[in-house]
C-alpha cells in the first residue's frame, strides 16, 4: 500500500473520478482569484486613482500634508515638485507624489 499523493492522484484518475476533481479545482481557483481581486487589487487601484486626482487638483495656496507629516501651504508648483511653506519664510521642496492629504482652507491659521 502506498501513501504517496502522486500515487493517490493516479489511482483517482484511473477510477474515473478525475473530471469532477478538475472542475472543483477550477472553481477553487476562480473563487480565490475573485477574493484576491476584491480584497487586494481593487482597493489598491481605487487608492491610486484618488492619489492621482489629488495631485491633479493641487493649486497654489492649498494647504497640504505630506507623507513625512509636514503640513504647509503650496507656494510654487512644477511638473513633479512643489514648494511648500511650512513656516513664515521657510519653504521645502517636495515631490507631488509625497502629498497625501489636502486640508480644508484655513486649517493652518498662521505659519
C-alpha atoms as a PDB file:
ATOM      1  CA  UNK A   1       0.000   0.000   0.000  1.00  0.00           C
ATOM      2  CA  UNK A   2       1.354   3.432  -0.980  1.00  0.00           C
ATOM      3  CA  UNK A   3       0.778   6.702   0.882  1.00  0.00           C
ATOM      4  CA  UNK A   4       2.176   8.937  -1.833  1.00  0.00           C
ATOM      5  CA  UNK A   5      -0.104  11.807  -3.010  1.00  0.00           C
ATOM      6  CA  UNK A   6       1.019  11.190  -6.573  1.00  0.00           C
ATOM      7  CA  UNK A   7       0.018   7.532  -6.395  1.00  0.00           C
ATOM      8  CA  UNK A   8      -3.353   8.544  -4.968  1.00  0.00           C
ATOM      9  CA  UNK A   9      -3.856  11.037  -7.790  1.00  0.00           C
ATOM     10  CA  UNK A  10      -3.133   8.395 -10.402  1.00  0.00           C
ATOM     11  CA  UNK A  11      -5.448   5.981  -8.646  1.00  0.00           C
ATOM     12  CA  UNK A  12      -8.232   8.583  -8.636  1.00  0.00           C
ATOM     13  CA  UNK A  13      -7.934   9.255 -12.347  1.00  0.00           C
ATOM     14  CA  UNK A  14      -7.796   5.570 -13.154  1.00  0.00           C
ATOM     15  CA  UNK A  15     -11.065   5.024 -11.295  1.00  0.00           C
ATOM     16  CA  UNK A  16     -12.819   7.658 -13.446  1.00  0.00           C
ATOM     17  CA  UNK A  17     -13.132  10.441 -10.812  1.00  0.00           C
ATOM     18  CA  UNK A  18     -10.745  12.870 -12.491  1.00  0.00           C
ATOM     19  CA  UNK A  19     -13.237  15.082 -14.336  1.00  0.00           C
ATOM     20  CA  UNK A  20     -15.119  16.136 -11.205  1.00  0.00           C
ATOM     21  CA  UNK A  21     -11.956  16.934  -9.273  1.00  0.00           C
ATOM     22  CA  UNK A  22     -10.659  19.006 -12.192  1.00  0.00           C
ATOM     23  CA  UNK A  23     -13.870  21.024 -12.256  1.00  0.00           C
ATOM     24  CA  UNK A  24     -13.692  21.570  -8.498  1.00  0.00           C
ATOM     25  CA  UNK A  25     -10.091  22.794  -8.797  1.00  0.00           C
ATOM     26  CA  UNK A  26     -11.118  25.304 -11.463  1.00  0.00           C
ATOM     27  CA  UNK A  27     -13.921  26.574  -9.220  1.00  0.00           C
ATOM     28  CA  UNK A  28     -11.477  26.930  -6.302  1.00  0.00           C
ATOM     29  CA  UNK A  29      -9.045  28.877  -8.457  1.00  0.00           C
ATOM     30  CA  UNK A  30     -11.803  31.220  -9.661  1.00  0.00           C
ATOM     31  CA  UNK A  31     -13.101  31.793  -6.126  1.00  0.00           C
ATOM     32  CA  UNK A  32      -9.623  32.531  -4.755  1.00  0.00           C
ATOM     33  CA  UNK A  33      -8.914  34.803  -7.717  1.00  0.00           C
ATOM     34  CA  UNK A  34     -12.109  36.770  -7.012  1.00  0.00           C
ATOM     35  CA  UNK A  35     -11.224  37.050  -3.312  1.00  0.00           C
ATOM     36  CA  UNK A  36      -7.746  38.356  -4.114  1.00  0.00           C
ATOM     37  CA  UNK A  37      -9.176  40.835  -6.624  1.00  0.00           C
ATOM     38  CA  UNK A  38     -11.825  42.275  -4.314  1.00  0.00           C
ATOM     39  CA  UNK A  39      -9.692  42.332  -1.167  1.00  0.00           C
ATOM     40  CA  UNK A  40      -6.304  43.413  -2.537  1.00  0.00           C
ATOM     41  CA  UNK A  41      -6.194  44.606  -6.128  1.00  0.00           C
ATOM     42  CA  UNK A  42      -9.405  46.668  -6.358  1.00  0.00           C
ATOM     43  CA  UNK A  43      -8.812  48.745  -3.174  1.00  0.00           C
ATOM     44  CA  UNK A  44      -5.246  49.492  -4.281  1.00  0.00           C
ATOM     45  CA  UNK A  45      -6.463  50.642  -7.704  1.00  0.00           C
ATOM     46  CA  UNK A  46      -9.045  52.885  -6.019  1.00  0.00           C
ATOM     47  CA  UNK A  47      -6.396  54.395  -3.731  1.00  0.00           C
ATOM     48  CA  UNK A  48      -4.079  55.053  -6.695  1.00  0.00           C
ATOM     49  CA  UNK A  49      -6.898  56.753  -8.607  1.00  0.00           C
ATOM     50  CA  UNK A  50      -7.681  59.008  -5.625  1.00  0.00           C
ATOM     51  CA  UNK A  51      -3.978  59.936  -5.299  1.00  0.00           C
ATOM     52  CA  UNK A  52      -3.814  60.898  -8.990  1.00  0.00           C
ATOM     53  CA  UNK A  53      -6.940  63.041  -8.631  1.00  0.00           C
ATOM     54  CA  UNK A  54      -5.445  64.743  -5.567  1.00  0.00           C
ATOM     55  CA  UNK A  55      -2.200  65.543  -7.401  1.00  0.00           C
ATOM     56  CA  UNK A  56      -4.118  66.892 -10.392  1.00  0.00           C
ATOM     57  CA  UNK A  57      -6.317  69.121  -8.233  1.00  0.00           C
ATOM     58  CA  UNK A  58      -3.488  70.808  -6.315  1.00  0.00           C
ATOM     59  CA  UNK A  59      -3.120  74.532  -6.810  1.00  0.00           C
ATOM     60  CA  UNK A  60      -1.164  77.414  -5.334  1.00  0.00           C
ATOM     61  CA  UNK A  61      -2.397  78.340  -1.866  1.00  0.00           C
ATOM     62  CA  UNK A  62      -3.715  74.873  -0.970  1.00  0.00           C
ATOM     63  CA  UNK A  63      -2.902  73.569   2.486  1.00  0.00           C
ATOM     64  CA  UNK A  64      -1.468  70.048   2.361  1.00  0.00           C
ATOM     65  CA  UNK A  65       0.134  67.326   4.465  1.00  0.00           C
ATOM     66  CA  UNK A  66       2.987  65.196   3.082  1.00  0.00           C
ATOM     67  CA  UNK A  67       3.956  61.573   3.696  1.00  0.00           C
ATOM     68  CA  UNK A  68       6.536  62.722   6.222  1.00  0.00           C
ATOM     69  CA  UNK A  69       3.957  64.657   8.209  1.00  0.00           C
ATOM     70  CA  UNK A  70       4.906  68.160   7.065  1.00  0.00           C
ATOM     71  CA  UNK A  71       1.928  70.482   6.919  1.00  0.00           C
ATOM     72  CA  UNK A  72       2.129  73.657   4.897  1.00  0.00           C
ATOM     73  CA  UNK A  73       0.822  75.856   2.140  1.00  0.00           C
ATOM     74  CA  UNK A  74       1.682  75.319  -1.542  1.00  0.00           C
ATOM     75  CA  UNK A  75       3.652  78.333  -2.719  1.00  0.00           C
ATOM     76  CA  UNK A  76       5.014  77.197  -6.085  1.00  0.00           C
ATOM     77  CA  UNK A  77       4.185  74.307  -8.383  1.00  0.00           C
ATOM     78  CA  UNK A  78       6.191  72.492 -11.004  1.00  0.00           C
ATOM     79  CA  UNK A  79       5.546  69.365 -13.024  1.00  0.00           C
ATOM     80  CA  UNK A  80       6.901  66.989 -10.392  1.00  0.00           C
ATOM     81  CA  UNK A  81       7.799  69.176  -7.399  1.00  0.00           C
ATOM     82  CA  UNK A  82       6.025  71.569  -5.050  1.00  0.00           C
ATOM     83  CA  UNK A  83       7.412  74.306  -2.842  1.00  0.00           C
ATOM     84  CA  UNK A  84       5.576  74.175   0.467  1.00  0.00           C
ATOM     85  CA  UNK A  85       5.825  76.941   3.064  1.00  0.00           C
ATOM     86  CA  UNK A  86       5.980  75.227   6.463  1.00  0.00           C
ATOM     87  CA  UNK A  87       6.742  78.392   8.460  1.00  0.00           C
ATOM     88  CA  UNK A  88       6.967  82.059   7.609  1.00  0.00           C
ATOM     89  CA  UNK A  89       9.850  82.383   5.157  1.00  0.00           C
ATOM     90  CA  UNK A  90      10.682  78.644   5.275  1.00  0.00           C
ATOM     91  CA  UNK A  91       9.885  76.669   2.134  1.00  0.00           C
ATOM     92  CA  UNK A  92      10.506  72.999   1.444  1.00  0.00           C
ATOM     93  CA  UNK A  93      10.715  71.373  -1.962  1.00  0.00           C
ATOM     94  CA  UNK A  94       8.838  68.023  -2.106  1.00  0.00           C
ATOM     95  CA  UNK A  95       7.605  65.681  -4.794  1.00  0.00           C
ATOM     96  CA  UNK A  96       3.953  65.955  -5.757  1.00  0.00           C
ATOM     97  CA  UNK A  97       3.545  62.241  -5.038  1.00  0.00           C
ATOM     98  CA  UNK A  98       4.514  62.873  -1.405  1.00  0.00           C
ATOM     99  CA  UNK A  99       1.330  64.860  -0.789  1.00  0.00           C
ATOM    100  CA  UNK A 100      -1.186  62.616   0.950  1.00  0.00           C
ATOM    101  CA  UNK A 101      -3.854  64.951   2.264  1.00  0.00           C
ATOM    102  CA  UNK A 102      -5.466  68.179   1.131  1.00  0.00           C
ATOM    103  CA  UNK A 103      -6.563  70.196   4.166  1.00  0.00           C
ATOM    104  CA  UNK A 104      -9.607  72.481   4.212  1.00  0.00           C
ATOM    105  CA  UNK A 105      -8.861  76.192   3.728  1.00  0.00           C
ATOM    106  CA  UNK A 106      -7.938  77.935   6.971  1.00  0.00           C
ATOM    107  CA  UNK A 107      -6.695  74.822   8.769  1.00  0.00           C
ATOM    108  CA  UNK A 108      -3.253  76.324   9.076  1.00  0.00           C
ATOM    109  CA  UNK A 109      -4.080  79.705  10.589  1.00  0.00           C
ATOM    110  CA  UNK A 110      -0.758  81.474  10.576  1.00  0.00           C
ATOM    111  CA  UNK A 111       2.524  79.916   9.553  1.00  0.00           C
END
